[in-house]
Every structure is written in structure tokens, then in C-alpha cells.
Amino acid sequence: MEKTTFEKIYDVVRKIPYGQVATYGQVAALAGNKRWARVVGYALHVNPDPDRIPCYRVVTKDGNVSRAFAFGGENRQIELLEAEGIVFVDGHVDMEKYQWEVPTDW
């Protein structure tokens, strides 16, 4: 049976390494369609298993967290990222340092 769009998105998000972040667009492209960035947001907002699907590791292309983070708000998302050693500069993630570099054999 073919996976749903949300399942494809969750599969990608599960693979974001500890201490790194991915963008909504990056997750969308890896899940199969670079135009799904908004769909990624919808999927993460209804994440059925936040303990195993680390949706807090998904940020905007500018490194901003979600003001609508479904599991405790933006401050909680920042806390979770900082707990993994991610440093914020002027209120956003330093994307050059912490953005997930996807393996070429993806």
C-alpha cells in the first residue's frame, strides 16, 4: 500500500539528526514534492507521535521556529532545540551551522 503524504513527511522528519534542523521546503522535497512546504506544516501540527517524530527540528528557511508550534508553543520549540546544542543568533537558528546536510545517496 502506498504511503500517504503525511506518512512520507513523517518518515523524513524522523531522519533529521539530533542537533540539526531541516526547513519545511527541504522536508517537502525529500518527501516527494518541493511544493509541499505548507503541507509539511499541516502534517507537523497534527503529529501523532511527537516523541518519535521530532517535528521541533523543522524550521523556516531563515531558521525561525514556528509561532504555532503545536507541542508547547515557540518557546518550547526553542528549548527543545537548545537542549540538543543548537544555538540561536538574533532569535533564529544559525542555518549555516545547523541545517541538515542530506546524504547524496538519499
Protein backbone atom coordinates (compact mmCIF):
# COMPACT_ATOMS: atom_id res chain seq x y z
CA MET A 1 0.00 0.00 0.00
CA GLU A 2 1.32 3.44 -0.89
CA LYS A 3 2.10 5.80 1.95
CA THR A 4 0.08 8.94 2.49
CA THR A 5 1.67 12.35 2.04
CA PHE A 6 1.77 12.84 5.82
CA GLU A 7 3.46 9.43 6.31
CA LYS A 8 6.12 10.39 3.76
CA ILE A 9 6.69 13.66 5.62
CA TYR A 10 6.94 11.89 8.98
CA ASP A 11 9.47 9.43 7.50
CA VAL A 12 11.71 12.34 6.51
CA VAL A 13 11.35 14.17 9.82
CA ARG A 14 12.31 11.00 11.74
CA LYS A 15 15.65 11.07 9.89
CA ILE A 16 16.67 14.62 10.83
CA PRO A 17 19.73 14.03 13.01
CA TYR A 18 19.99 15.08 16.64
CA GLY A 19 21.45 18.59 16.88
CA GLN A 20 20.40 19.57 13.36
CA VAL A 21 17.37 21.16 11.70
CA ALA A 22 15.68 20.98 8.31
CA THR A 23 13.48 23.51 6.56
CA TYR A 24 9.86 22.98 5.61
CA GLY A 25 10.89 23.11 1.96
CA GLN A 26 13.71 20.65 2.48
CA VAL A 27 11.36 18.17 4.15
CA ALA A 28 8.82 18.71 1.37
CA ALA A 29 11.35 17.99 -1.37
CA LEU A 30 12.68 14.89 0.40
CA ALA A 31 9.11 13.65 0.90
CA GLY A 32 8.47 13.86 -2.82
CA ASN A 33 7.29 17.34 -3.80
CA LYS A 34 9.14 20.60 -3.23
CA ARG A 35 5.79 22.44 -3.29
CA TRP A 36 4.54 20.67 -0.15
CA ALA A 37 6.17 23.09 2.34
CA ARG A 38 2.79 24.26 3.65
CA VAL A 39 1.58 20.65 3.79
CA VAL A 40 4.62 19.83 5.93
CA GLY A 41 3.40 22.47 8.40
CA TYR A 42 -0.08 20.92 8.46
CA ALA A 43 1.37 17.43 8.98
CA LEU A 44 3.61 18.54 11.82
CA HIS A 45 0.78 20.38 13.53
CA VAL A 46 -1.12 17.08 13.84
CA ASN A 47 1.96 14.93 14.52
CA PRO A 48 0.59 11.69 16.01
CA ASP A 49 3.82 10.75 17.80
CA PRO A 50 5.95 13.77 18.80
CA ASP A 51 8.25 11.54 20.86
CA ARG A 52 9.34 9.64 17.73
CA ILE A 53 8.73 12.29 15.07
CA PRO A 54 10.89 15.27 16.13
CA CYS A 55 8.83 17.98 14.45
CA TYR A 56 10.60 20.64 16.53
CA ARG A 57 13.65 20.13 14.27
CA VAL A 58 11.78 21.71 11.34
CA VAL A 59 12.20 25.47 10.94
CA THR A 60 11.78 28.10 8.23
CA LYS A 61 14.48 28.64 5.63
CA ASP A 62 15.61 31.63 7.71
CA GLY A 63 15.93 29.49 10.84
CA ASN A 64 12.82 30.77 12.57
CA VAL A 65 10.76 28.50 14.78
CA SER A 66 7.00 28.16 14.42
CA ARG A 67 4.88 30.63 16.34
CA ALA A 68 2.19 27.94 16.22
CA PHE A 69 4.34 25.03 17.45
CA ALA A 70 1.65 22.55 18.45
CA PHE A 71 3.50 20.99 21.36
CA GLY A 72 4.04 23.89 23.75
CA GLY A 73 4.49 26.97 21.57
CA GLU A 74 7.55 28.62 20.10
CA ASN A 75 9.39 28.88 23.43
CA ARG A 76 9.10 25.12 23.89
CA GLN A 77 10.46 24.53 20.38
CA ILE A 78 13.42 26.76 21.19
CA GLU A 79 14.01 24.88 24.47
CA LEU A 80 13.99 21.52 22.66
CA LEU A 81 16.46 22.72 20.04
CA GLU A 82 18.76 24.35 22.59
CA ALA A 83 18.73 21.10 24.58
CA GLU A 84 20.31 19.47 21.51
CA GLY A 85 23.04 22.11 21.41
CA ILE A 86 21.55 24.27 18.68
CA VAL A 87 22.49 27.91 19.16
CA PHE A 88 20.20 30.79 18.24
CA VAL A 89 21.64 34.01 16.81
CA ASP A 90 19.36 37.07 16.86
CA GLY A 91 16.36 34.87 17.57
CA HIS A 92 16.86 32.25 14.87
CA VAL A 93 18.86 29.09 14.21
CA ASP A 94 22.26 29.57 12.56
CA MET A 95 21.32 27.65 9.40
CA GLU A 96 24.88 27.54 8.03
CA LYS A 97 25.94 25.67 11.13
CA TYR A 98 22.90 23.51 11.97
CA GLN A 99 20.99 22.78 8.75
CA TRP A 100 20.91 19.08 7.95
CA GLU A 101 23.09 18.18 5.01
CA VAL A 102 21.22 15.33 3.42
CA PRO A 103 23.43 12.46 2.24
CA THR A 104 23.87 12.35 -1.52
CA ASP A 105 22.60 8.75 -1.63
CA TRP A 106 19.21 9.82 -0.27
